[in-house]
């Protein structure tokens, strides 16, 4: 069996002669603690076994954001002994945690449902109080699972979000780019945008990419075995936390390209927090509806306040309902033109589709200029910027009040 104790002892010996700062860069674990008791127990247990001490930081969103993304961490220990609801707290911060790290939650919440919920998220749960030996045995078991590529960590994959325009020209690609940028920059979530338009498109402009070319694929690659490294090489880096997957081919047809890009997307899911599928060009393709129904966790349905768009949205929702899908559908009403040009009202749309609109995106006359200047909605104080904050909050499972506070905090920082 792979022995974490022996490995880390060896690493400690090899780095003993190095500077203290040099040793810290080789840390393989981190503890985000809430209490002195937990901090001391973890430190004593690791020190007693001769294991390199974890980096120890206060359990706060800002500390988690900064540390887990800047370090090559293999094991993350999160103490939630002071939490009122362990499941809700881990659901709230899960987008901050990289999928490559194994996560151990320490808490005093004694409930089978807690263990079950954390297991579904891909997190280990260790009930407090514990002894030093119990902790070490647990950590060794977690690391052994990592070595064998088994255990709960392998269940942690990106949330797939489909962005579907009820018809062309409703702003689906723009919202995809802005949501991904907001998640990656302001929420510290690693994201991949998947472009389902295999000829043309303007995601590169919306993301501020210059001299961008889609990756060309040939028939021969379809028979090759794909892995994460290959899939990452097929993407274009937008920023440190955001990449774009866009392919094209002169020889493959659209259905072959769809299958290929979905295969790449599945590989990338193990390295990301969110996969945003831009399906703005699907034109009511039934295979894409099947894909949304079976593979995506969330769906953003973009609706324009026109009769034709409303009819298409209703037809799409009916098709999705026939498939008895569990995908969470958020309805976004997007005013691409001033409200006076709308042919149906928000109330009429809700009455017709028999569902509530989740977010209204007001028309922003300066939007085109903003895109051409390479800026993003979160850089500005537009009413549309606040709508974007609401959408990202929905994807993160945050309530509206929380998202409002985050929006106001960003505004205050820019003043």
Protein backbone atom coordinates (compact mmCIF):
# COMPACT_ATOMS: atom_id res chain seq x y z
CA UNK A 1 0.00 0.00 0.00
CA UNK A 2 1.19 3.52 -0.79
CA UNK A 3 2.47 5.01 2.49
CA UNK A 4 1.88 8.75 2.90
CA UNK A 5 3.95 8.78 6.10
CA UNK A 6 7.02 7.32 4.41
CA UNK A 7 6.65 9.56 1.38
CA UNK A 8 6.35 12.78 3.32
CA UNK A 9 9.10 11.78 5.74
CA UNK A 10 11.36 11.31 2.71
CA UNK A 11 10.33 14.69 1.30
CA UNK A 12 10.98 16.31 4.67
CA UNK A 13 14.48 14.79 4.82
CA UNK A 14 15.27 15.88 1.27
CA UNK A 15 14.21 19.47 1.94
CA UNK A 16 15.57 19.80 5.48
CA UNK A 17 18.65 21.60 4.27
CA UNK A 18 16.62 24.04 2.18
CA UNK A 19 15.30 27.41 3.28
CA UNK A 20 12.04 27.59 5.17
CA UNK A 21 10.28 29.37 2.32
CA UNK A 22 11.57 26.74 -0.09
CA UNK A 23 10.05 23.97 2.03
CA UNK A 24 6.68 25.69 2.14
CA UNK A 25 6.38 25.51 -1.62
CA UNK A 26 6.43 21.72 -1.34
CA UNK A 27 3.46 21.51 1.06
CA UNK A 28 1.00 18.85 0.01
CA UNK A 29 -1.80 19.65 2.43
CA UNK A 30 -3.61 22.62 3.92
CA UNK A 31 -5.94 23.04 6.91
CA UNK A 32 -8.62 25.74 7.00
CA UNK A 33 -9.51 25.76 10.67
CA UNK A 34 -12.18 27.34 12.86
CA UNK A 35 -11.04 26.31 16.34
CA UNK A 36 -7.78 26.14 18.28
CA UNK A 37 -8.53 22.56 19.35
CA UNK A 38 -8.69 21.29 15.78
CA UNK A 39 -5.61 23.24 14.71
CA UNK A 40 -3.55 21.87 17.58
CA UNK A 41 -4.72 18.28 17.10
CA UNK A 42 -3.89 18.27 13.38
CA UNK A 43 -0.47 19.86 14.01
CA UNK A 44 0.41 17.43 16.80
CA UNK A 45 -0.75 14.39 14.84
CA UNK A 46 1.25 15.32 11.72
CA UNK A 47 4.31 16.26 13.78
CA UNK A 48 4.16 13.04 15.82
CA UNK A 49 4.13 10.93 12.65
CA UNK A 50 6.92 12.96 11.05
CA UNK A 51 4.64 14.21 8.28
CA UNK A 52 5.23 17.65 6.78
CA UNK A 53 2.89 20.03 8.57
CA UNK A 54 -0.02 21.36 6.51
CA UNK A 55 -0.32 25.05 5.86
CA UNK A 56 -2.75 26.28 8.49
CA UNK A 57 -5.11 29.15 7.71
CA UNK A 58 -8.36 30.52 9.05
CA UNK A 59 -11.45 29.10 7.41
CA UNK A 60 -12.64 32.00 5.29
CA UNK A 61 -13.61 32.29 1.65
CA UNK A 62 -10.77 34.74 0.97
CA UNK A 63 -8.12 32.44 2.45
CA UNK A 64 -9.46 29.45 0.51
CA UNK A 65 -9.51 31.45 -2.72
CA UNK A 66 -5.94 32.60 -2.35
CA UNK A 67 -4.27 29.45 -1.08
CA UNK A 68 -5.73 26.50 -2.95
CA UNK A 69 -5.24 28.18 -6.33
CA UNK A 70 -1.70 29.37 -5.69
CA UNK A 71 -0.36 26.09 -4.30
CA UNK A 72 -0.10 22.54 -5.56
CA UNK A 73 -2.25 21.06 -2.83
CA UNK A 74 -3.10 17.36 -2.74
CA UNK A 75 -5.20 17.22 0.45
CA UNK A 76 -7.45 20.00 1.74
CA UNK A 77 -8.79 19.75 5.30
CA UNK A 78 -11.77 21.98 6.05
CA UNK A 79 -12.91 22.34 9.66
CA UNK A 80 -16.60 23.11 10.08
CA UNK A 81 -17.09 22.46 13.79
CA UNK A 82 -18.72 25.89 14.17
CA UNK A 83 -21.01 25.43 11.19
CA UNK A 84 -24.79 25.45 11.60
CA UNK A 85 -25.20 23.45 8.39
CA UNK A 86 -22.18 21.55 7.05
CA UNK A 87 -23.84 20.59 3.76
CA UNK A 88 -24.86 24.17 2.93
CA UNK A 89 -21.43 25.56 3.80
CA UNK A 90 -19.62 23.04 1.60
CA UNK A 91 -22.10 23.61 -1.23
CA UNK A 92 -21.35 27.32 -0.93
CA UNK A 93 -17.55 26.99 -1.16
CA UNK A 94 -17.23 23.95 -3.43
CA UNK A 95 -16.58 26.14 -6.47
CA UNK A 96 -13.44 27.45 -4.73
CA UNK A 97 -11.87 24.01 -4.41
CA UNK A 98 -9.84 22.53 -7.30
CA UNK A 99 -10.99 19.11 -8.47
CA UNK A 100 -7.46 17.69 -8.31
CA UNK A 101 -7.35 17.96 -4.50
CA UNK A 102 -8.90 15.48 -2.08
CA UNK A 103 -11.10 17.29 0.44
CA UNK A 104 -11.62 16.14 4.04
CA UNK A 105 -14.35 17.90 6.03
CA UNK A 106 -14.10 17.80 9.84
CA UNK A 107 -17.35 18.57 11.61
CA UNK A 108 -19.42 17.87 14.71
CA UNK A 109 -22.70 17.40 12.83
CA UNK A 110 -23.74 13.81 13.56
CA UNK A 111 -26.15 12.91 10.78
CA UNK A 112 -26.24 10.25 8.09
CA UNK A 113 -27.63 12.82 5.68
CA UNK A 114 -24.49 14.95 6.11
CA UNK A 115 -22.22 12.04 5.19
CA UNK A 116 -24.44 11.18 2.23
CA UNK A 117 -24.60 14.78 0.96
CA UNK A 118 -20.84 15.32 1.22
CA UNK A 119 -20.16 11.99 -0.44
CA UNK A 120 -22.38 13.05 -3.37
CA UNK A 121 -20.23 16.20 -3.70
CA UNK A 122 -17.04 14.11 -3.63
CA UNK A 123 -15.91 15.13 -0.12
CA UNK A 124 -14.80 12.95 2.79
CA UNK A 125 -16.37 13.54 6.23
CA UNK A 126 -14.62 12.99 9.55
CA UNK A 127 -16.78 13.32 12.66
CA UNK A 128 -15.38 15.38 15.53
CA UNK A 129 -14.06 14.71 18.18
CA UNK A 130 -11.31 12.45 16.85
CA UNK A 131 -8.01 11.09 18.15
CA UNK A 132 -4.64 11.80 16.57
CA UNK A 133 -4.36 8.21 15.36
CA UNK A 134 -7.84 8.27 13.82
CA UNK A 135 -6.90 11.42 11.91
CA UNK A 136 -3.62 10.00 10.60
CA UNK A 137 -5.25 6.70 9.59
CA UNK A 138 -7.96 8.63 7.76
CA UNK A 139 -5.48 10.88 5.90
CA UNK A 140 -3.36 7.88 4.88
CA UNK A 141 -6.50 6.18 3.52
CA UNK A 142 -7.44 9.29 1.55
CA UNK A 143 -3.97 9.53 0.06
CA UNK A 144 -4.00 5.83 -0.79
CA UNK A 145 -7.23 6.42 -2.70
CA UNK A 146 -5.54 9.26 -4.58
CA UNK A 147 -2.63 6.99 -5.52
CA UNK A 148 -5.01 4.32 -6.84
CA UNK A 149 -7.21 6.96 -8.52
CA UNK A 150 -10.21 5.78 -6.54
CA UNK A 151 -12.29 7.06 -3.65
CA UNK A 152 -14.56 10.08 -3.51
CA UNK A 153 -12.26 12.49 -5.32
CA UNK A 154 -12.89 10.84 -8.67
CA UNK A 155 -16.59 11.79 -8.36
CA UNK A 156 -15.82 15.51 -8.33
CA UNK A 157 -16.40 16.89 -11.76
CA UNK A 158 -17.32 20.26 -13.17
CA UNK A 159 -20.92 21.40 -13.17
CA UNK A 160 -22.10 21.47 -16.76
CA UNK A 161 -24.18 24.52 -17.60
CA UNK A 162 -25.97 24.70 -20.95
CA UNK A 163 -26.68 28.18 -22.32
CA UNK A 164 -29.50 27.85 -24.84
CA UNK A 165 -30.88 30.70 -26.88
CA UNK A 166 -34.56 30.19 -27.66
CA UNK A 167 -33.68 31.53 -31.10
CA UNK A 168 -30.69 33.15 -32.77
CA UNK A 169 -29.56 36.63 -31.81
CA UNK A 170 -30.88 36.66 -28.23
CA UNK A 171 -27.46 37.23 -26.65
CA UNK A 172 -26.65 33.68 -25.52
CA UNK A 173 -22.96 33.85 -26.52
CA UNK A 174 -22.50 37.24 -24.85
CA UNK A 175 -24.03 36.02 -21.61
CA UNK A 176 -21.92 32.84 -21.76
CA UNK A 177 -18.74 34.91 -22.07
CA UNK A 178 -19.74 37.35 -19.33
CA UNK A 179 -20.84 34.63 -16.89
CA UNK A 180 -17.62 32.67 -17.40
CA UNK A 181 -15.52 35.81 -16.96
CA UNK A 182 -17.36 36.75 -13.77
CA UNK A 183 -17.03 33.23 -12.32
CA UNK A 184 -13.32 33.01 -13.14
CA UNK A 185 -12.27 36.51 -12.08
CA UNK A 186 -14.58 37.34 -9.18
CA UNK A 187 -15.56 33.89 -7.88
CA UNK A 188 -12.18 32.21 -8.43
CA UNK A 189 -13.85 29.26 -10.18
CA UNK A 190 -12.04 27.44 -12.97
CA UNK A 191 -14.21 27.44 -16.11
CA UNK A 192 -14.19 26.14 -19.66
CA UNK A 193 -16.44 27.55 -22.37
CA UNK A 194 -17.38 24.99 -25.02
CA UNK A 195 -18.21 26.55 -28.38
CA UNK A 196 -20.78 24.48 -30.29
CA UNK A 197 -20.57 26.68 -33.36
CA UNK A 198 -18.05 24.97 -35.61
CA UNK A 199 -17.92 27.62 -38.30
CA UNK A 200 -17.64 31.30 -37.48
CA UNK A 201 -19.01 32.69 -34.24
CA UNK A 202 -17.84 35.62 -32.12
CA UNK A 203 -16.86 34.18 -28.75
CA UNK A 204 -13.26 35.26 -29.37
CA UNK A 205 -14.39 38.89 -29.70
CA UNK A 206 -16.62 38.65 -26.64
CA UNK A 207 -13.72 37.23 -24.63
CA UNK A 208 -11.20 39.77 -25.89
CA UNK A 209 -9.01 37.25 -27.74
CA UNK A 210 -6.88 38.62 -30.57
CA UNK A 211 -5.78 36.61 -33.62
CA UNK A 212 -7.74 33.63 -32.40
CA UNK A 213 -8.13 30.53 -34.53
CA UNK A 214 -10.18 27.48 -33.70
CA UNK A 215 -8.35 24.19 -33.33
CA UNK A 216 -8.53 22.17 -36.54
CA UNK A 217 -9.40 18.48 -36.27
CA UNK A 218 -9.08 15.73 -38.86
CA UNK A 219 -10.87 12.36 -39.16
CA UNK A 220 -7.83 10.53 -37.76
CA UNK A 221 -8.18 12.04 -34.28
CA UNK A 222 -11.58 10.42 -33.74
CA UNK A 223 -9.97 7.01 -33.33
CA UNK A 224 -7.27 8.24 -30.95
CA UNK A 225 -7.56 7.75 -27.20
CA UNK A 226 -8.05 11.12 -25.52
CA UNK A 227 -6.93 12.21 -22.06
CA UNK A 228 -7.02 15.38 -19.96
CA UNK A 229 -3.66 16.61 -21.22
CA UNK A 230 -4.74 16.32 -24.86
CA UNK A 231 -8.06 18.02 -24.09
CA UNK A 232 -6.29 20.92 -22.35
CA UNK A 233 -4.03 21.36 -25.37
CA UNK A 234 -7.13 21.80 -27.51
CA UNK A 235 -8.21 24.84 -25.48
CA UNK A 236 -7.22 28.49 -25.61
CA UNK A 237 -6.32 30.21 -22.35
CA UNK A 238 -8.40 33.34 -21.71
CA UNK A 239 -7.15 33.99 -18.18
CA UNK A 240 -5.64 31.88 -15.41
CA UNK A 241 -9.04 30.38 -14.54
CA UNK A 242 -10.83 30.41 -17.90
CA UNK A 243 -10.27 28.53 -21.16
CA UNK A 244 -12.14 28.29 -24.46
CA UNK A 245 -12.67 25.03 -26.34
CA UNK A 246 -13.45 25.77 -29.98
CA UNK A 247 -12.83 23.39 -32.89
CA UNK A 248 -13.45 23.28 -36.63
CA UNK A 249 -12.93 20.88 -39.51
CA UNK A 250 -13.16 20.87 -43.28
CA UNK A 251 -13.68 17.11 -43.36
CA UNK A 252 -15.90 16.22 -40.39
CA UNK A 253 -19.62 16.91 -40.38
CA UNK A 254 -21.44 18.72 -37.57
CA UNK A 255 -22.60 15.57 -35.75
CA UNK A 256 -19.07 14.15 -35.70
CA UNK A 257 -17.76 17.44 -34.34
CA UNK A 258 -20.45 17.49 -31.66
CA UNK A 259 -19.48 14.01 -30.47
CA UNK A 260 -15.83 14.97 -30.46
CA UNK A 261 -16.28 18.22 -28.55
CA UNK A 262 -18.44 16.44 -25.97
CA UNK A 263 -15.71 13.85 -25.46
CA UNK A 264 -13.19 16.64 -24.90
CA UNK A 265 -15.63 18.37 -22.56
CA UNK A 266 -15.96 15.23 -20.43
CA UNK A 267 -12.17 15.06 -20.07
CA UNK A 268 -11.95 18.72 -19.10
CA UNK A 269 -14.65 18.25 -16.44
CA UNK A 270 -12.15 16.61 -14.07
CA UNK A 271 -10.00 19.76 -14.04
CA UNK A 272 -12.67 22.47 -13.84
CA UNK A 273 -15.42 23.78 -11.60
CA UNK A 274 -17.74 24.79 -14.43
CA UNK A 275 -18.21 23.77 -18.06
CA UNK A 276 -20.34 26.34 -19.90
CA UNK A 277 -21.78 24.96 -23.13
CA UNK A 278 -22.63 27.74 -25.58
CA UNK A 279 -25.49 26.22 -27.56
CA UNK A 280 -26.59 29.48 -29.15
CA UNK A 281 -26.33 28.05 -32.65
CA UNK A 282 -28.20 24.79 -32.05
CA UNK A 283 -31.34 25.85 -33.92
CA UNK A 284 -33.52 23.48 -31.92
CA UNK A 285 -31.33 20.46 -32.60
CA UNK A 286 -32.91 17.40 -30.96
CA UNK A 287 -29.57 15.76 -30.18
CA UNK A 288 -28.53 18.86 -28.24
CA UNK A 289 -31.78 18.73 -26.26
CA UNK A 290 -31.02 15.09 -25.47
CA UNK A 291 -27.55 16.15 -24.34
CA UNK A 292 -28.92 18.86 -22.06
CA UNK A 293 -31.49 16.50 -20.58
CA UNK A 294 -28.99 13.78 -19.72
CA UNK A 295 -25.58 15.42 -19.25
CA UNK A 296 -26.12 18.96 -17.92
CA UNK A 297 -26.89 19.92 -14.35
CA UNK A 298 -28.11 23.44 -15.09
CA UNK A 299 -29.64 25.24 -18.03
CA UNK A 300 -29.89 28.94 -18.80
CA UNK A 301 -32.74 29.47 -21.26
CA UNK A 302 -32.30 32.89 -22.88
CA UNK A 303 -35.58 34.43 -24.02
CA UNK A 304 -36.13 37.63 -25.97
CA UNK A 305 -39.45 39.51 -25.43
CA UNK A 306 -40.86 38.72 -28.88
CA UNK A 307 -43.70 36.46 -30.00
CA UNK A 308 -41.46 34.30 -32.22
CA UNK A 309 -38.92 33.77 -29.43
CA UNK A 310 -41.68 32.97 -26.92
CA UNK A 311 -43.08 30.28 -29.22
CA UNK A 312 -39.64 28.70 -29.65
CA UNK A 313 -39.01 28.79 -25.88
CA UNK A 314 -42.33 27.10 -25.19
CA UNK A 315 -41.59 24.39 -27.74
CA UNK A 316 -38.16 23.82 -26.23
CA UNK A 317 -39.52 23.56 -22.67
CA UNK A 318 -42.11 21.07 -23.90
CA UNK A 319 -39.42 18.93 -25.55
CA UNK A 320 -37.35 19.04 -22.37
CA UNK A 321 -40.35 18.08 -20.25
CA UNK A 322 -41.04 15.04 -22.45
CA UNK A 323 -37.55 13.77 -21.62
CA UNK A 324 -38.31 13.98 -17.86
CA UNK A 325 -34.97 15.67 -17.29
CA UNK A 326 -33.68 16.67 -13.85
CA UNK A 327 -31.73 19.64 -15.23
CA UNK A 328 -32.34 22.85 -13.27
CA UNK A 329 -33.69 25.39 -15.73
CA UNK A 330 -33.29 29.13 -15.14
CA UNK A 331 -35.26 31.42 -17.43
CA UNK A 332 -33.42 34.60 -18.44
CA UNK A 333 -35.38 37.40 -20.12
CA UNK A 334 -32.87 39.38 -22.16
CA UNK A 335 -33.79 42.76 -23.68
CA UNK A 336 -31.46 42.99 -26.68
CA UNK A 337 -33.41 46.11 -27.76
CA UNK A 338 -35.00 48.90 -25.69
CA UNK A 339 -38.10 47.74 -23.81
CA UNK A 340 -40.42 49.87 -25.96
CA UNK A 341 -39.71 47.54 -28.90
CA UNK A 342 -40.79 44.41 -27.01
CA UNK A 343 -43.87 42.71 -28.45
CA UNK A 344 -44.70 40.75 -25.28
CA UNK A 345 -44.38 41.65 -21.59
CA UNK A 346 -42.72 39.72 -18.79
CA UNK A 347 -46.12 38.86 -17.32
CA UNK A 348 -47.35 37.56 -20.67
CA UNK A 349 -44.24 35.40 -21.07
CA UNK A 350 -44.65 33.89 -17.58
CA UNK A 351 -48.32 33.22 -18.25
CA UNK A 352 -47.60 31.58 -21.60
CA UNK A 353 -44.76 29.30 -20.45
CA UNK A 354 -46.39 28.79 -17.01
CA UNK A 355 -43.09 29.41 -15.29
CA UNK A 356 -41.48 32.36 -13.56
CA UNK A 357 -38.68 34.38 -15.13
CA UNK A 358 -35.63 34.07 -12.86
CA UNK A 359 -33.58 37.06 -14.06
CA UNK A 360 -34.39 40.06 -16.25
CA UNK A 361 -31.48 41.53 -18.23
CA UNK A 362 -32.33 45.13 -19.20
CA UNK A 363 -31.15 46.65 -22.45
CA UNK A 364 -27.75 48.33 -22.19
CA UNK A 365 -27.01 50.81 -25.00
CA UNK A 366 -23.27 50.91 -24.19
CA UNK A 367 -22.85 47.14 -24.40
CA UNK A 368 -21.34 46.97 -27.90
CA UNK A 369 -18.83 49.71 -27.08
CA UNK A 370 -17.89 47.87 -23.87
CA UNK A 371 -17.17 44.64 -25.78
CA UNK A 372 -15.09 46.40 -28.44
CA UNK A 373 -13.02 48.06 -25.70
CA UNK A 374 -12.29 44.65 -24.19
CA UNK A 375 -14.15 45.31 -20.94
CA UNK A 376 -16.69 43.19 -19.06
CA UNK A 377 -19.97 43.85 -17.31
CA UNK A 378 -18.43 43.38 -13.87
CA UNK A 379 -16.13 46.34 -14.67
CA UNK A 380 -19.15 48.65 -14.81
CA UNK A 381 -22.12 49.76 -12.75
CA UNK A 382 -24.78 49.09 -15.37
CA UNK A 383 -28.16 47.64 -14.34
CA UNK A 384 -27.21 44.73 -16.63
CA UNK A 385 -24.14 44.16 -14.45
CA UNK A 386 -26.40 43.51 -11.49
CA UNK A 387 -28.41 41.01 -13.55
CA UNK A 388 -25.16 39.18 -14.35
CA UNK A 389 -24.39 38.98 -10.63
CA UNK A 390 -27.81 37.42 -10.04
CA UNK A 391 -27.19 34.77 -12.71
CA UNK A 392 -23.80 33.76 -11.29
CA UNK A 393 -25.38 33.61 -7.83
CA UNK A 394 -27.99 31.18 -9.17
CA UNK A 395 -25.25 28.95 -10.58
CA UNK A 396 -23.39 29.02 -7.27
CA UNK A 397 -26.50 28.29 -5.24
CA UNK A 398 -26.34 31.65 -3.47
CA UNK A 399 -29.45 33.57 -2.47
CA UNK A 400 -30.31 36.94 -3.97
CA UNK A 401 -29.37 38.92 -0.85
CA UNK A 402 -25.89 37.39 -0.86
CA UNK A 403 -25.40 38.26 -4.52
CA UNK A 404 -26.55 41.82 -3.91
CA UNK A 405 -23.93 42.26 -1.18
CA UNK A 406 -21.22 40.90 -3.47
CA UNK A 407 -22.24 43.30 -6.25
CA UNK A 408 -22.23 46.32 -3.93
CA UNK A 409 -18.85 45.32 -2.49
CA UNK A 410 -17.31 45.28 -5.98
CA UNK A 411 -18.81 48.70 -6.72
CA UNK A 412 -17.33 50.16 -3.54
CA UNK A 413 -13.87 48.76 -4.39
CA UNK A 414 -13.91 50.62 -7.73
CA UNK A 415 -14.77 54.01 -6.21
